[in-house]
Amino acid sequence: MEPVYFDNCGLYIDSKTTVAARITAIDLCIAAMESALLKAATGADISEYQLNDSQTIIKVVSRSPEGIMKSMTALIALRTWYKNNYNGRVYRAMDSKNFPGYGLF
């Protein structure tokens, strides 16, 4: 089977059909961006970075470290949003009687 090529992470994430698969795809994209940022931090010049998981190849050319950081921040926020939709959030409301030391103040 030939690998599928994507020009950017957005197309790769959009190709996933389930929320869990999208979260995994976002994590893989973030890992590839972290690797590129580590190379930039050690003085290497970033001309491209890529994600290759043997089935999919994403190659992005000519990104500045600032651009990669902005994309990574946006993907982290998107991952948080997907995780909240996948797992849900639970709030527990309590009155002051449930806290230790009630009535001492």
N, C-alpha and C. Protein backbone atom coordinates (compact mmCIF):
# COMPACT_ATOMS: atom_id res chain seq x y z
N MET A 1 0.85 -1.18 0.00
CA MET A 1 0.00 0.00 0.00
C MET A 1 0.89 1.24 0.00
N GLU A 2 0.62 2.15 -0.88
CA GLU A 2 1.37 3.40 -0.99
C GLU A 2 0.95 4.37 0.10
N PRO A 3 1.88 5.14 0.66
CA PRO A 3 1.49 6.14 1.67
C PRO A 3 0.70 7.29 1.04
N VAL A 4 -0.11 7.92 1.86
CA VAL A 4 -0.90 9.06 1.43
C VAL A 4 -0.13 10.32 1.79
N TYR A 5 -0.02 11.26 0.86
CA TYR A 5 0.72 12.50 1.08
C TYR A 5 -0.25 13.65 1.36
N PHE A 6 0.08 14.46 2.37
CA PHE A 6 -0.69 15.66 2.69
C PHE A 6 0.26 16.85 2.70
N ASP A 7 -0.26 18.03 2.33
CA ASP A 7 0.55 19.25 2.33
C ASP A 7 0.63 19.90 3.71
N ASN A 8 -0.35 19.64 4.57
CA ASN A 8 -0.33 20.24 5.90
C ASN A 8 -1.09 19.36 6.88
N CYS A 9 -0.94 19.67 8.15
CA CYS A 9 -1.58 18.88 9.20
C CYS A 9 -3.10 19.01 9.18
N GLY A 10 -3.60 20.16 8.75
CA GLY A 10 -5.04 20.37 8.73
C GLY A 10 -5.76 19.36 7.84
N LEU A 11 -5.22 19.10 6.68
CA LEU A 11 -5.82 18.12 5.78
C LEU A 11 -5.75 16.71 6.36
N TYR A 12 -4.63 16.43 7.02
CA TYR A 12 -4.45 15.12 7.65
C TYR A 12 -5.47 14.91 8.77
N ILE A 13 -5.63 15.90 9.63
CA ILE A 13 -6.57 15.80 10.74
C ILE A 13 -8.00 15.72 10.22
N ASP A 14 -8.30 16.49 9.18
CA ASP A 14 -9.64 16.50 8.60
C ASP A 14 -9.99 15.16 7.95
N SER A 15 -8.99 14.40 7.55
CA SER A 15 -9.26 13.11 6.91
C SER A 15 -9.71 12.05 7.91
N LYS A 16 -9.52 12.30 9.20
CA LYS A 16 -9.93 11.35 10.23
C LYS A 16 -11.41 11.48 10.49
N THR A 17 -12.08 10.34 10.73
CA THR A 17 -13.54 10.37 10.84
C THR A 17 -14.06 10.35 12.28
N THR A 18 -13.24 9.91 13.24
CA THR A 18 -13.70 9.87 14.62
C THR A 18 -12.93 10.89 15.46
N VAL A 19 -13.52 11.26 16.57
CA VAL A 19 -12.89 12.22 17.46
C VAL A 19 -11.59 11.65 18.04
N ALA A 20 -11.61 10.38 18.41
CA ALA A 20 -10.41 9.76 18.97
C ALA A 20 -9.28 9.73 17.94
N ALA A 21 -9.60 9.45 16.69
CA ALA A 21 -8.59 9.44 15.63
C ALA A 21 -8.05 10.85 15.38
N ARG A 22 -8.90 11.84 15.49
CA ARG A 22 -8.44 13.22 15.31
C ARG A 22 -7.52 13.65 16.45
N ILE A 23 -7.82 13.23 17.67
CA ILE A 23 -6.95 13.55 18.80
C ILE A 23 -5.57 12.92 18.60
N THR A 24 -5.55 11.68 18.14
CA THR A 24 -4.28 11.00 17.87
C THR A 24 -3.52 11.70 16.75
N ALA A 25 -4.22 12.12 15.70
CA ALA A 25 -3.58 12.82 14.59
C ALA A 25 -3.00 14.16 15.05
N ILE A 26 -3.71 14.86 15.90
CA ILE A 26 -3.22 16.14 16.43
C ILE A 26 -1.97 15.90 17.26
N ASP A 27 -1.97 14.85 18.07
CA ASP A 27 -0.79 14.53 18.88
C ASP A 27 0.42 14.24 18.00
N LEU A 28 0.22 13.52 16.90
CA LEU A 28 1.32 13.22 15.98
C LEU A 28 1.85 14.50 15.31
N CYS A 29 0.95 15.39 14.94
CA CYS A 29 1.37 16.66 14.33
C CYS A 29 2.14 17.52 15.33
N ILE A 30 1.68 17.56 16.56
CA ILE A 30 2.37 18.33 17.60
C ILE A 30 3.77 17.76 17.83
N ALA A 31 3.89 16.44 17.84
CA ALA A 31 5.20 15.81 18.03
C ALA A 31 6.16 16.17 16.90
N ALA A 32 5.66 16.19 15.67
CA ALA A 32 6.52 16.57 14.54
C ALA A 32 6.95 18.03 14.64
N MET A 33 6.05 18.90 15.09
CA MET A 33 6.39 20.31 15.25
C MET A 33 7.38 20.51 16.39
N GLU A 34 7.22 19.74 17.48
CA GLU A 34 8.17 19.83 18.60
C GLU A 34 9.57 19.44 18.14
N SER A 35 9.65 18.42 17.32
CA SER A 35 10.95 17.99 16.80
C SER A 35 11.60 19.10 15.98
N ALA A 36 10.82 19.77 15.15
CA ALA A 36 11.35 20.87 14.33
C ALA A 36 11.79 22.03 15.22
N LEU A 37 11.02 22.32 16.27
CA LEU A 37 11.39 23.41 17.17
C LEU A 37 12.65 23.09 17.96
N LEU A 38 12.84 21.82 18.32
CA LEU A 38 14.07 21.43 19.01
C LEU A 38 15.28 21.62 18.11
N LYS A 39 15.12 21.30 16.84
CA LYS A 39 16.21 21.51 15.90
C LYS A 39 16.52 23.00 15.76
N ALA A 40 15.48 23.83 15.74
CA ALA A 40 15.68 25.28 15.63
C ALA A 40 16.34 25.83 16.90
N ALA A 41 15.98 25.28 18.04
CA ALA A 41 16.55 25.77 19.30
C ALA A 41 18.04 25.45 19.42
N THR A 42 18.47 24.39 18.76
CA THR A 42 19.89 24.02 18.81
C THR A 42 20.70 24.66 17.69
N GLY A 43 20.07 25.55 16.95
CA GLY A 43 20.80 26.32 15.95
C GLY A 43 20.65 25.84 14.53
N ALA A 44 19.92 24.77 14.31
CA ALA A 44 19.71 24.28 12.94
C ALA A 44 18.69 25.16 12.23
N ASP A 45 18.85 25.28 10.93
CA ASP A 45 17.93 26.07 10.12
C ASP A 45 16.78 25.17 9.68
N ILE A 46 15.55 25.62 9.91
CA ILE A 46 14.38 24.82 9.53
C ILE A 46 13.97 25.21 8.11
N SER A 47 14.08 24.28 7.19
CA SER A 47 13.56 24.54 5.85
C SER A 47 12.31 23.70 5.62
N GLU A 48 12.19 22.59 6.39
CA GLU A 48 10.99 21.77 6.30
C GLU A 48 10.91 20.87 7.52
N TYR A 49 9.72 20.37 7.78
CA TYR A 49 9.55 19.32 8.77
C TYR A 49 8.51 18.37 8.23
N GLN A 50 8.56 17.14 8.69
CA GLN A 50 7.61 16.17 8.18
C GLN A 50 7.22 15.15 9.23
N LEU A 51 6.06 14.58 9.03
CA LEU A 51 5.53 13.50 9.84
C LEU A 51 5.38 12.30 8.92
N ASN A 52 5.99 11.20 9.29
CA ASN A 52 5.92 10.00 8.46
C ASN A 52 5.61 8.82 9.36
N ASP A 53 4.39 8.29 9.26
CA ASP A 53 4.02 7.12 10.06
C ASP A 53 3.83 5.87 9.20
N SER A 54 4.50 5.84 8.06
CA SER A 54 4.50 4.73 7.10
C SER A 54 3.23 4.64 6.27
N GLN A 55 2.14 5.18 6.76
CA GLN A 55 0.91 5.21 5.98
C GLN A 55 0.61 6.60 5.45
N THR A 56 1.08 7.59 6.18
CA THR A 56 0.82 8.98 5.84
C THR A 56 2.11 9.77 5.92
N ILE A 57 2.31 10.65 4.96
CA ILE A 57 3.47 11.54 4.98
C ILE A 57 2.96 12.97 4.84
N ILE A 58 3.31 13.80 5.84
CA ILE A 58 2.97 15.22 5.80
C ILE A 58 4.28 15.97 5.73
N LYS A 59 4.43 16.80 4.71
CA LYS A 59 5.67 17.55 4.56
C LYS A 59 5.31 19.03 4.42
N VAL A 60 5.87 19.85 5.31
CA VAL A 60 5.65 21.29 5.28
C VAL A 60 7.00 21.95 5.03
N VAL A 61 7.07 22.84 4.08
CA VAL A 61 8.32 23.46 3.68
C VAL A 61 8.29 24.95 4.03
N SER A 62 9.46 25.47 4.46
CA SER A 62 9.69 26.90 4.71
C SER A 62 8.76 27.48 5.77
N ARG A 63 8.94 27.07 7.01
CA ARG A 63 8.20 27.64 8.13
C ARG A 63 9.20 28.24 9.10
N SER A 64 8.88 29.38 9.63
CA SER A 64 9.72 30.00 10.66
C SER A 64 9.41 29.35 12.01
N PRO A 65 10.32 29.41 12.97
CA PRO A 65 10.01 28.87 14.30
C PRO A 65 8.79 29.54 14.94
N GLU A 66 8.61 30.83 14.67
CA GLU A 66 7.43 31.52 15.22
C GLU A 66 6.15 30.97 14.61
N GLY A 67 6.16 30.70 13.31
CA GLY A 67 4.98 30.13 12.65
C GLY A 67 4.66 28.75 13.15
N ILE A 68 5.72 27.95 13.38
CA ILE A 68 5.50 26.61 13.92
C ILE A 68 4.91 26.70 15.32
N MET A 69 5.42 27.63 16.13
CA MET A 69 4.92 27.77 17.49
C MET A 69 3.45 28.20 17.50
N LYS A 70 3.07 29.10 16.61
CA LYS A 70 1.66 29.52 16.53
C LYS A 70 0.77 28.35 16.13
N SER A 71 1.22 27.56 15.16
CA SER A 71 0.45 26.39 14.73
C SER A 71 0.33 25.37 15.85
N MET A 72 1.42 25.18 16.57
CA MET A 72 1.42 24.22 17.67
C MET A 72 0.47 24.67 18.78
N THR A 73 0.47 25.95 19.10
CA THR A 73 -0.43 26.49 20.12
C THR A 73 -1.89 26.30 19.71
N ALA A 74 -2.18 26.54 18.43
CA ALA A 74 -3.54 26.35 17.93
C ALA A 74 -3.94 24.88 17.98
N LEU A 75 -3.01 23.98 17.65
CA LEU A 75 -3.33 22.55 17.71
C LEU A 75 -3.54 22.07 19.14
N ILE A 76 -2.80 22.61 20.08
CA ILE A 76 -2.99 22.24 21.49
C ILE A 76 -4.37 22.68 21.97
N ALA A 77 -4.79 23.87 21.58
CA ALA A 77 -6.14 24.35 21.94
C ALA A 77 -7.21 23.48 21.28
N LEU A 78 -6.99 23.11 20.03
CA LEU A 78 -7.94 22.26 19.32
C LEU A 78 -8.01 20.87 19.95
N ARG A 79 -6.86 20.33 20.37
CA ARG A 79 -6.83 19.03 21.03
C ARG A 79 -7.62 19.08 22.33
N THR A 80 -7.46 20.16 23.10
CA THR A 80 -8.20 20.33 24.34
C THR A 80 -9.70 20.37 24.08
N TRP A 81 -10.09 21.07 23.03
CA TRP A 81 -11.50 21.16 22.67
C TRP A 81 -12.05 19.78 22.29
N TYR A 82 -11.30 19.03 21.47
CA TYR A 82 -11.74 17.68 21.09
C TYR A 82 -11.82 16.76 22.31
N LYS A 83 -10.84 16.83 23.21
CA LYS A 83 -10.86 15.97 24.39
C LYS A 83 -12.06 16.30 25.29
N ASN A 84 -12.38 17.59 25.42
CA ASN A 84 -13.53 17.96 26.23
C ASN A 84 -14.83 17.47 25.59
N ASN A 85 -14.92 17.50 24.28
CA ASN A 85 -16.11 16.98 23.61
C ASN A 85 -16.17 15.46 23.68
N TYR A 86 -15.01 14.81 23.65
CA TYR A 86 -14.96 13.34 23.67
C TYR A 86 -15.27 12.80 25.07
N ASN A 87 -14.66 13.40 26.08
CA ASN A 87 -14.81 12.91 27.45
C ASN A 87 -15.92 13.62 28.22
N GLY A 88 -16.22 14.84 27.85
CA GLY A 88 -17.20 15.63 28.59
C GLY A 88 -16.56 16.26 29.81
N ARG A 89 -17.26 17.17 30.40
CA ARG A 89 -16.79 17.83 31.62
C ARG A 89 -17.84 17.65 32.70
N VAL A 90 -17.38 17.52 33.92
CA VAL A 90 -18.28 17.34 35.04
C VAL A 90 -17.99 18.43 36.06
N TYR A 91 -19.03 19.08 36.53
CA TYR A 91 -18.91 20.09 37.57
C TYR A 91 -19.68 19.61 38.79
N ARG A 92 -19.11 19.87 39.94
CA ARG A 92 -19.77 19.50 41.19
C ARG A 92 -19.95 20.76 42.01
N ALA A 93 -21.18 21.14 42.21
CA ALA A 93 -21.47 22.34 43.00
C ALA A 93 -21.65 21.94 44.46
N MET A 94 -20.99 22.67 45.35
CA MET A 94 -21.10 22.39 46.78
C MET A 94 -21.32 23.72 47.51
N ASP A 95 -22.06 23.65 48.59
CA ASP A 95 -22.20 24.84 49.41
C ASP A 95 -21.10 24.85 50.47
N SER A 96 -21.05 25.88 51.23
CA SER A 96 -19.96 26.06 52.19
C SER A 96 -19.98 25.03 53.32
N LYS A 97 -21.09 24.37 53.56
CA LYS A 97 -21.17 23.37 54.64
C LYS A 97 -20.33 22.14 54.35
N ASN A 98 -19.96 21.92 53.11
CA ASN A 98 -19.19 20.75 52.73
C ASN A 98 -17.69 20.95 52.86
N PHE A 99 -17.25 22.15 53.22
CA PHE A 99 -15.84 22.42 53.35
C PHE A 99 -15.40 22.28 54.80
N PRO A 100 -14.23 21.71 55.06
CA PRO A 100 -13.75 21.60 56.44
C PRO A 100 -13.57 22.99 57.06
N GLY A 101 -13.83 23.07 58.33
CA GLY A 101 -13.68 24.34 59.02
C GLY A 101 -14.87 25.25 58.89
N TYR A 102 -15.99 24.70 58.44
CA TYR A 102 -17.19 25.53 58.31
C TYR A 102 -17.59 26.10 59.66
N GLY A 103 -17.85 27.34 59.69
CA GLY A 103 -18.29 28.01 60.91
C GLY A 103 -17.16 28.59 61.74
N LEU A 104 -15.91 28.39 61.30
CA LEU A 104 -14.79 28.93 62.05
C LEU A 104 -14.50 30.37 61.70
N PHE A 105 -15.05 30.84 60.64
CA PHE A 105 -14.73 32.20 60.18
C PHE A 105 -15.83 33.17 60.52
